């Protein structure tokens, strides 16, 4: 399902780096009840903010949450 959602978001293939961020986002949601913002993703996921925007060009936090199957983070528009 995640791969289909990724294609809808303009991502042709989910790489290991994509999965690293998706797994991190799912863990954060399980622990805190919300996904991470771009700032938190960039600091704690092991993937820089610049790379996040390359991986998820339509907006890292929102697109990643959608692919991860969780609600978008608070403050995400």
PDB file of N, CA and C in Angstrom:
ATOM      1  N   UNK A   1       0.821  -1.189   0.000  1.00  0.00           N
ATOM      2  CA  UNK A   1       0.000   0.000   0.000  1.00  0.00           C
ATOM      3  C   UNK A   1       0.874   1.266   0.000  1.00  0.00           C
ATOM      4  N   UNK A   2       1.942   1.248   0.780  1.00  0.00           N
ATOM      5  CA  UNK A   2       2.823   2.418   0.871  1.00  0.00           C
ATOM      6  C   UNK A   2       3.410   2.774  -0.491  1.00  0.00           C
ATOM      7  N   UNK A   3       3.766   1.764  -1.264  1.00  0.00           N
ATOM      8  CA  UNK A   3       4.359   2.028  -2.571  1.00  0.00           C
ATOM      9  C   UNK A   3       3.357   2.663  -3.528  1.00  0.00           C
ATOM     10  N   UNK A   4       2.098   2.264  -3.444  1.00  0.00           N
ATOM     11  CA  UNK A   4       1.055   2.869  -4.285  1.00  0.00           C
ATOM     12  C   UNK A   4       0.830   4.328  -3.892  1.00  0.00           C
ATOM     13  N   UNK A   5       0.781   4.590  -2.601  1.00  0.00           N
ATOM     14  CA  UNK A   5       0.613   5.961  -2.116  1.00  0.00           C
ATOM     15  C   UNK A   5       1.814   6.808  -2.539  1.00  0.00           C
ATOM     16  N   UNK A   6       3.003   6.235  -2.471  1.00  0.00           N
ATOM     17  CA  UNK A   6       4.205   6.958  -2.888  1.00  0.00           C
ATOM     18  C   UNK A   6       4.116   7.350  -4.361  1.00  0.00           C
ATOM     19  N   UNK A   7       3.654   6.429  -5.196  1.00  0.00           N
ATOM     20  CA  UNK A   7       3.503   6.754  -6.623  1.00  0.00           C
ATOM     21  C   UNK A   7       2.522   7.902  -6.809  1.00  0.00           C
ATOM     22  N   UNK A   8       1.435   7.903  -6.033  1.00  0.00           N
ATOM     23  CA  UNK A   8       0.469   9.003  -6.108  1.00  0.00           C
ATOM     24  C   UNK A   8       1.103  10.326  -5.691  1.00  0.00           C
ATOM     25  N   UNK A   9       2.126  10.262  -4.845  1.00  0.00           N
ATOM     26  CA  UNK A   9       2.842  11.452  -4.380  1.00  0.00           C
ATOM     27  C   UNK A   9       3.990  11.834  -5.298  1.00  0.00           C
ATOM     28  N   UNK A  10       4.138  11.115  -6.423  1.00  0.00           N
ATOM     29  CA  UNK A  10       5.181  11.436  -7.384  1.00  0.00           C
ATOM     30  C   UNK A  10       6.514  10.761  -7.109  1.00  0.00           C
ATOM     31  N   UNK A  11       6.519   9.755  -6.243  1.00  0.00           N
ATOM     32  CA  UNK A  11       7.743   9.023  -5.909  1.00  0.00           C
ATOM     33  C   UNK A  11       7.663   7.674  -6.604  1.00  0.00           C
ATOM     34  N   UNK A  12       8.539   7.457  -7.578  1.00  0.00           N
ATOM     35  CA  UNK A  12       8.436   6.248  -8.398  1.00  0.00           C
ATOM     36  C   UNK A  12       8.861   4.989  -7.659  1.00  0.00           C
ATOM     37  N   UNK A  13       9.796   5.108  -6.722  1.00  0.00           N
ATOM     38  CA  UNK A  13      10.301   3.942  -6.004  1.00  0.00           C
ATOM     39  C   UNK A  13      10.683   4.338  -4.582  1.00  0.00           C
ATOM     40  N   UNK A  14      10.314   3.514  -3.602  1.00  0.00           N
ATOM     41  CA  UNK A  14      10.721   3.750  -2.220  1.00  0.00           C
ATOM     42  C   UNK A  14      12.064   3.069  -1.984  1.00  0.00           C
ATOM     43  N   UNK A  15      13.079   3.883  -1.740  1.00  0.00           N
ATOM     44  CA  UNK A  15      14.425   3.371  -1.489  1.00  0.00           C
ATOM     45  C   UNK A  15      14.600   3.078   0.004  1.00  0.00           C
ATOM     46  N   UNK A  16      15.766   2.562   0.362  1.00  0.00           N
ATOM     47  CA  UNK A  16      16.066   2.322   1.778  1.00  0.00           C
ATOM     48  C   UNK A  16      15.998   3.612   2.588  1.00  0.00           C
ATOM     49  N   UNK A  17      16.418   4.729   1.989  1.00  0.00           N
ATOM     50  CA  UNK A  17      16.358   6.027   2.693  1.00  0.00           C
ATOM     51  C   UNK A  17      14.911   6.445   2.925  1.00  0.00           C
ATOM     52  N   UNK A  18      14.038   6.220   1.946  1.00  0.00           N
ATOM     53  CA  UNK A  18      12.615   6.498   2.146  1.00  0.00           C
ATOM     54  C   UNK A  18      12.093   5.675   3.316  1.00  0.00           C
ATOM     55  N   UNK A  19      12.395   4.375   3.293  1.00  0.00           N
ATOM     56  CA  UNK A  19      11.904   3.482   4.349  1.00  0.00           C
ATOM     57  C   UNK A  19      12.468   3.861   5.708  1.00  0.00           C
ATOM     58  N   UNK A  20      13.693   4.379   5.756  1.00  0.00           N
ATOM     59  CA  UNK A  20      14.267   4.827   7.022  1.00  0.00           C
ATOM     60  C   UNK A  20      13.395   5.926   7.626  1.00  0.00           C
ATOM     61  N   UNK A  21      12.977   6.861   6.800  1.00  0.00           N
ATOM     62  CA  UNK A  21      12.146   7.972   7.270  1.00  0.00           C
ATOM     63  C   UNK A  21      10.733   7.488   7.613  1.00  0.00           C
ATOM     64  N   UNK A  22      10.170   6.635   6.774  1.00  0.00           N
ATOM     65  CA  UNK A  22       8.817   6.112   7.026  1.00  0.00           C
ATOM     66  C   UNK A  22       8.788   5.333   8.341  1.00  0.00           C
ATOM     67  N   UNK A  23       9.781   4.486   8.565  1.00  0.00           N
ATOM     68  CA  UNK A  23       9.855   3.704   9.802  1.00  0.00           C
ATOM     69  C   UNK A  23      10.005   4.619  11.011  1.00  0.00           C
ATOM     70  N   UNK A  24      10.847   5.648  10.879  1.00  0.00           N
ATOM     71  CA  UNK A  24      11.019   6.613  11.958  1.00  0.00           C
ATOM     72  C   UNK A  24       9.701   7.316  12.273  1.00  0.00           C
ATOM     73  N   UNK A  25       9.002   7.734  11.229  1.00  0.00           N
ATOM     74  CA  UNK A  25       7.733   8.440  11.405  1.00  0.00           C
ATOM     75  C   UNK A  25       6.704   7.542  12.104  1.00  0.00           C
ATOM     76  N   UNK A  26       6.635   6.284  11.709  1.00  0.00           N
ATOM     77  CA  UNK A  26       5.702   5.343  12.349  1.00  0.00           C
ATOM     78  C   UNK A  26       6.048   5.150  13.823  1.00  0.00           C
ATOM     79  N   UNK A  27       7.337   5.045  14.133  1.00  0.00           N
ATOM     80  CA  UNK A  27       7.770   4.882  15.524  1.00  0.00           C
ATOM     81  C   UNK A  27       7.418   6.110  16.354  1.00  0.00           C
ATOM     82  N   UNK A  28       7.623   7.297  15.778  1.00  0.00           N
ATOM     83  CA  UNK A  28       7.277   8.531  16.490  1.00  0.00           C
ATOM     84  C   UNK A  28       5.777   8.607  16.758  1.00  0.00           C
ATOM     85  N   UNK A  29       4.990   8.200  15.771  1.00  0.00           N
ATOM     86  CA  UNK A  29       3.538   8.210  15.947  1.00  0.00           C
ATOM     87  C   UNK A  29       3.123   7.229  17.037  1.00  0.00           C
ATOM     88  N   UNK A  30       3.728   6.049  17.057  1.00  0.00           N
ATOM     89  CA  UNK A  30       3.401   5.053  18.083  1.00  0.00           C
ATOM     90  C   UNK A  30       3.779   5.550  19.477  1.00  0.00           C
ATOM     91  N   UNK A  31       4.895   6.258  19.574  1.00  0.00           N
ATOM     92  CA  UNK A  31       5.372   6.736  20.867  1.00  0.00           C
ATOM     93  C   UNK A  31       4.663   8.004  21.345  1.00  0.00           C
ATOM     94  N   UNK A  32       4.352   8.921  20.419  1.00  0.00           N
ATOM     95  CA  UNK A  32       3.850  10.239  20.809  1.00  0.00           C
ATOM     96  C   UNK A  32       2.435  10.548  20.350  1.00  0.00           C
ATOM     97  N   UNK A  33       1.884   9.719  19.467  1.00  0.00           N
ATOM     98  CA  UNK A  33       0.530   9.969  18.989  1.00  0.00           C
ATOM     99  C   UNK A  33       0.444  10.988  17.869  1.00  0.00           C
ATOM    100  N   UNK A  34       1.589  11.417  17.355  1.00  0.00           N
ATOM    101  CA  UNK A  34       1.635  12.344  16.228  1.00  0.00           C
ATOM    102  C   UNK A  34       2.913  12.109  15.442  1.00  0.00           C
ATOM    103  N   UNK A  35       2.874  12.432  14.162  1.00  0.00           N
ATOM    104  CA  UNK A  35       4.071  12.327  13.337  1.00  0.00           C
ATOM    105  C   UNK A  35       5.009  13.484  13.635  1.00  0.00           C
ATOM    106  N   UNK A  36       6.203  13.401  13.109  1.00  0.00           N
ATOM    107  CA  UNK A  36       7.215  14.427  13.339  1.00  0.00           C
ATOM    108  C   UNK A  36       7.142  15.526  12.294  1.00  0.00           C
ATOM    109  N   UNK A  37       7.514  16.720  12.701  1.00  0.00           N
ATOM    110  CA  UNK A  37       7.620  17.838  11.766  1.00  0.00           C
ATOM    111  C   UNK A  37       8.903  17.670  10.951  1.00  0.00           C
ATOM    112  N   UNK A  38       9.057  18.465   9.917  1.00  0.00           N
ATOM    113  CA  UNK A  38      10.253  18.404   9.074  1.00  0.00           C
ATOM    114  C   UNK A  38      11.498  18.671   9.912  1.00  0.00           C
ATOM    115  N   UNK A  39      11.412  19.629  10.800  1.00  0.00           N
ATOM    116  CA  UNK A  39      12.563  19.971  11.643  1.00  0.00           C
ATOM    117  C   UNK A  39      13.000  18.770  12.483  1.00  0.00           C
ATOM    118  N   UNK A  40      12.053  18.096  13.120  1.00  0.00           N
ATOM    119  CA  UNK A  40      12.368  16.922  13.943  1.00  0.00           C
ATOM    120  C   UNK A  40      12.883  15.783  13.063  1.00  0.00           C
ATOM    121  N   UNK A  41      12.238  15.572  11.910  1.00  0.00           N
ATOM    122  CA  UNK A  41      12.709  14.528  10.993  1.00  0.00           C
ATOM    123  C   UNK A  41      14.165  14.767  10.612  1.00  0.00           C
ATOM    124  N   UNK A  42      14.501  16.004  10.292  1.00  0.00           N
ATOM    125  CA  UNK A  42      15.862  16.344   9.889  1.00  0.00           C
ATOM    126  C   UNK A  42      16.880  16.151  10.987  1.00  0.00           C
ATOM    127  N   UNK A  43      16.471  16.349  12.227  1.00  0.00           N
ATOM    128  CA  UNK A  43      17.404  16.219  13.341  1.00  0.00           C
ATOM    129  C   UNK A  43      17.499  14.797  13.869  1.00  0.00           C
ATOM    130  N   UNK A  44      16.401  14.060  13.868  1.00  0.00           N
ATOM    131  CA  UNK A  44      16.387  12.780  14.578  1.00  0.00           C
ATOM    132  C   UNK A  44      16.316  11.534  13.699  1.00  0.00           C
ATOM    133  N   UNK A  45      15.944  11.666  12.448  1.00  0.00           N
ATOM    134  CA  UNK A  45      15.755  10.475  11.616  1.00  0.00           C
ATOM    135  C   UNK A  45      17.037   9.970  10.972  1.00  0.00           C
ATOM    136  N   UNK A  46      18.084  10.790  10.989  1.00  0.00           N
ATOM    137  CA  UNK A  46      19.320  10.413  10.322  1.00  0.00           C
ATOM    138  C   UNK A  46      19.361  10.847   8.865  1.00  0.00           C
ATOM    139  N   UNK A  47      18.347  11.583   8.425  1.00  0.00           N
ATOM    140  CA  UNK A  47      18.266  12.089   7.060  1.00  0.00           C
ATOM    141  C   UNK A  47      18.152  13.609   7.150  1.00  0.00           C
ATOM    142  N   UNK A  48      19.037  14.328   6.465  1.00  0.00           N
ATOM    143  CA  UNK A  48      19.044  15.784   6.548  1.00  0.00           C
ATOM    144  C   UNK A  48      17.777  16.381   5.928  1.00  0.00           C
ATOM    145  N   UNK A  49      17.467  17.606   6.313  1.00  0.00           N
ATOM    146  CA  UNK A  49      16.287  18.290   5.777  1.00  0.00           C
ATOM    147  C   UNK A  49      16.407  18.426   4.259  1.00  0.00           C
ATOM    148  N   UNK A  50      17.585  18.743   3.782  1.00  0.00           N
ATOM    149  CA  UNK A  50      17.803  18.877   2.341  1.00  0.00           C
ATOM    150  C   UNK A  50      17.487  17.562   1.625  1.00  0.00           C
ATOM    151  N   UNK A  51      17.955  16.452   2.177  1.00  0.00           N
ATOM    152  CA  UNK A  51      17.679  15.154   1.574  1.00  0.00           C
ATOM    153  C   UNK A  51      16.201  14.794   1.694  1.00  0.00           C
ATOM    154  N   UNK A  52      15.557  15.176   2.798  1.00  0.00           N
ATOM    155  CA  UNK A  52      14.124  14.918   2.960  1.00  0.00           C
ATOM    156  C   UNK A  52      13.328  15.535   1.813  1.00  0.00           C
ATOM    157  N   UNK A  53      13.682  16.755   1.435  1.00  0.00           N
ATOM    158  CA  UNK A  53      12.976  17.415   0.340  1.00  0.00           C
ATOM    159  C   UNK A  53      13.275  16.768  -1.013  1.00  0.00           C
ATOM    160  N   UNK A  54      14.445  16.155  -1.154  1.00  0.00           N
ATOM    161  CA  UNK A  54      14.727  15.393  -2.380  1.00  0.00           C
ATOM    162  C   UNK A  54      13.928  14.094  -2.396  1.00  0.00           C
ATOM    163  N   UNK A  55      13.823  13.441  -1.245  1.00  0.00           N
ATOM    164  CA  UNK A  55      13.098  12.178  -1.157  1.00  0.00           C
ATOM    165  C   UNK A  55      11.588  12.368  -1.283  1.00  0.00           C
ATOM    166  N   UNK A  56      11.069  13.417  -0.650  1.00  0.00           N
ATOM    167  CA  UNK A  56       9.628  13.696  -0.618  1.00  0.00           C
ATOM    168  C   UNK A  56       9.392  15.113  -1.133  1.00  0.00           C
ATOM    169  N   UNK A  57       9.451  15.311  -2.452  1.00  0.00           N
ATOM    170  CA  UNK A  57       9.412  16.662  -3.020  1.00  0.00           C
ATOM    171  C   UNK A  57       8.127  17.451  -2.767  1.00  0.00           C
ATOM    172  N   UNK A  58       7.034  16.793  -2.477  1.00  0.00           N
ATOM    173  CA  UNK A  58       5.776  17.522  -2.236  1.00  0.00           C
ATOM    174  C   UNK A  58       5.601  17.924  -0.778  1.00  0.00           C
ATOM    175  N   UNK A  59       6.653  17.833   0.000  1.00  0.00           N
ATOM    176  CA  UNK A  59       6.596  18.186   1.411  1.00  0.00           C
ATOM    177  C   UNK A  59       6.853  16.959   2.254  1.00  0.00           C
ATOM    178  N   UNK A  60       8.011  16.900   2.901  1.00  0.00           N
ATOM    179  CA  UNK A  60       8.419  15.689   3.606  1.00  0.00           C
ATOM    180  C   UNK A  60       7.476  15.208   4.700  1.00  0.00           C
ATOM    181  N   UNK A  61       7.079  16.064   5.595  1.00  0.00           N
ATOM    182  CA  UNK A  61       6.270  15.604   6.729  1.00  0.00           C
ATOM    183  C   UNK A  61       4.899  15.109   6.276  1.00  0.00           C
ATOM    184  N   UNK A  62       4.254  15.875   5.437  1.00  0.00           N
ATOM    185  CA  UNK A  62       2.905  15.522   4.984  1.00  0.00           C
ATOM    186  C   UNK A  62       2.927  14.266   4.109  1.00  0.00           C
ATOM    187  N   UNK A  63       3.828  14.223   3.110  1.00  0.00           N
ATOM    188  CA  UNK A  63       3.906  13.075   2.204  1.00  0.00           C
ATOM    189  C   UNK A  63       4.348  11.828   2.950  1.00  0.00           C
ATOM    190  N   UNK A  64       5.340  11.979   3.835  1.00  0.00           N
ATOM    191  CA  UNK A  64       5.828  10.826   4.581  1.00  0.00           C
ATOM    192  C   UNK A  64       4.737  10.267   5.488  1.00  0.00           C
ATOM    193  N   UNK A  65       3.984  11.136   6.141  1.00  0.00           N
ATOM    194  CA  UNK A  65       2.898  10.666   6.998  1.00  0.00           C
ATOM    195  C   UNK A  65       1.868   9.887   6.187  1.00  0.00           C
ATOM    196  N   UNK A  66       1.546  10.395   5.030  1.00  0.00           N
ATOM    197  CA  UNK A  66       0.578   9.720   4.166  1.00  0.00           C
ATOM    198  C   UNK A  66       1.088   8.332   3.771  1.00  0.00           C
ATOM    199  N   UNK A  67       2.346   8.243   3.354  1.00  0.00           N
ATOM    200  CA  UNK A  67       2.947   6.970   2.969  1.00  0.00           C
ATOM    201  C   UNK A  67       3.046   6.034   4.172  1.00  0.00           C
ATOM    202  N   UNK A  68       3.337   6.587   5.345  1.00  0.00           N
ATOM    203  CA  UNK A  68       3.461   5.781   6.566  1.00  0.00           C
ATOM    204  C   UNK A  68       2.105   5.310   7.077  1.00  0.00           C
ATOM    205  N   UNK A  69       1.029   5.904   6.568  1.00  0.00           N
ATOM    206  CA  UNK A  69      -0.314   5.498   6.991  1.00  0.00           C
ATOM    207  C   UNK A  69      -0.731   6.083   8.319  1.00  0.00           C
ATOM    208  N   UNK A  70      -0.201   7.266   8.625  1.00  0.00           N
ATOM    209  CA  UNK A  70      -0.557   7.944   9.867  1.00  0.00           C
ATOM    210  C   UNK A  70      -1.094   9.336   9.538  1.00  0.00           C
ATOM    211  N   UNK A  71      -1.788   9.963  10.506  1.00  0.00           N
ATOM    212  CA  UNK A  71      -2.272  11.334  10.251  1.00  0.00           C
ATOM    213  C   UNK A  71      -1.115  12.308  10.080  1.00  0.00           C
ATOM    214  N   UNK A  72      -1.340  13.360   9.326  1.00  0.00           N
ATOM    215  CA  UNK A  72      -0.281  14.350   9.140  1.00  0.00           C
ATOM    216  C   UNK A  72       0.036  15.010  10.472  1.00  0.00           C
ATOM    217  N   UNK A  73       1.294  15.435  10.654  1.00  0.00           N
ATOM    218  CA  UNK A  73       1.707  16.055  11.916  1.00  0.00           C
ATOM    219  C   UNK A  73       0.938  17.332  12.215  1.00  0.00           C
ATOM    220  N   UNK A  74       0.823  17.639  13.479  1.00  0.00           N
ATOM    221  CA  UNK A  74       0.192  18.905  13.868  1.00  0.00           C
ATOM    222  C   UNK A  74       0.988  20.058  13.292  1.00  0.00           C
ATOM    223  N   UNK A  75       0.315  21.063  12.846  1.00  0.00           N
ATOM    224  CA  UNK A  75       0.966  22.233  12.273  1.00  0.00           C
ATOM    225  C   UNK A  75       1.296  22.090  10.802  1.00  0.00           C
ATOM    226  N   UNK A  76       0.987  20.954  10.224  1.00  0.00           N
ATOM    227  CA  UNK A  76       1.251  20.707   8.799  1.00  0.00           C
ATOM    228  C   UNK A  76       0.067  21.240   8.004  1.00  0.00           C
ATOM    229  N   UNK A  77       0.340  22.039   6.969  1.00  0.00           N
ATOM    230  CA  UNK A  77      -0.752  22.574   6.164  1.00  0.00           C
ATOM    231  C   UNK A  77      -0.841  21.899   4.822  1.00  0.00           C
TER     232      UNK A  77
END
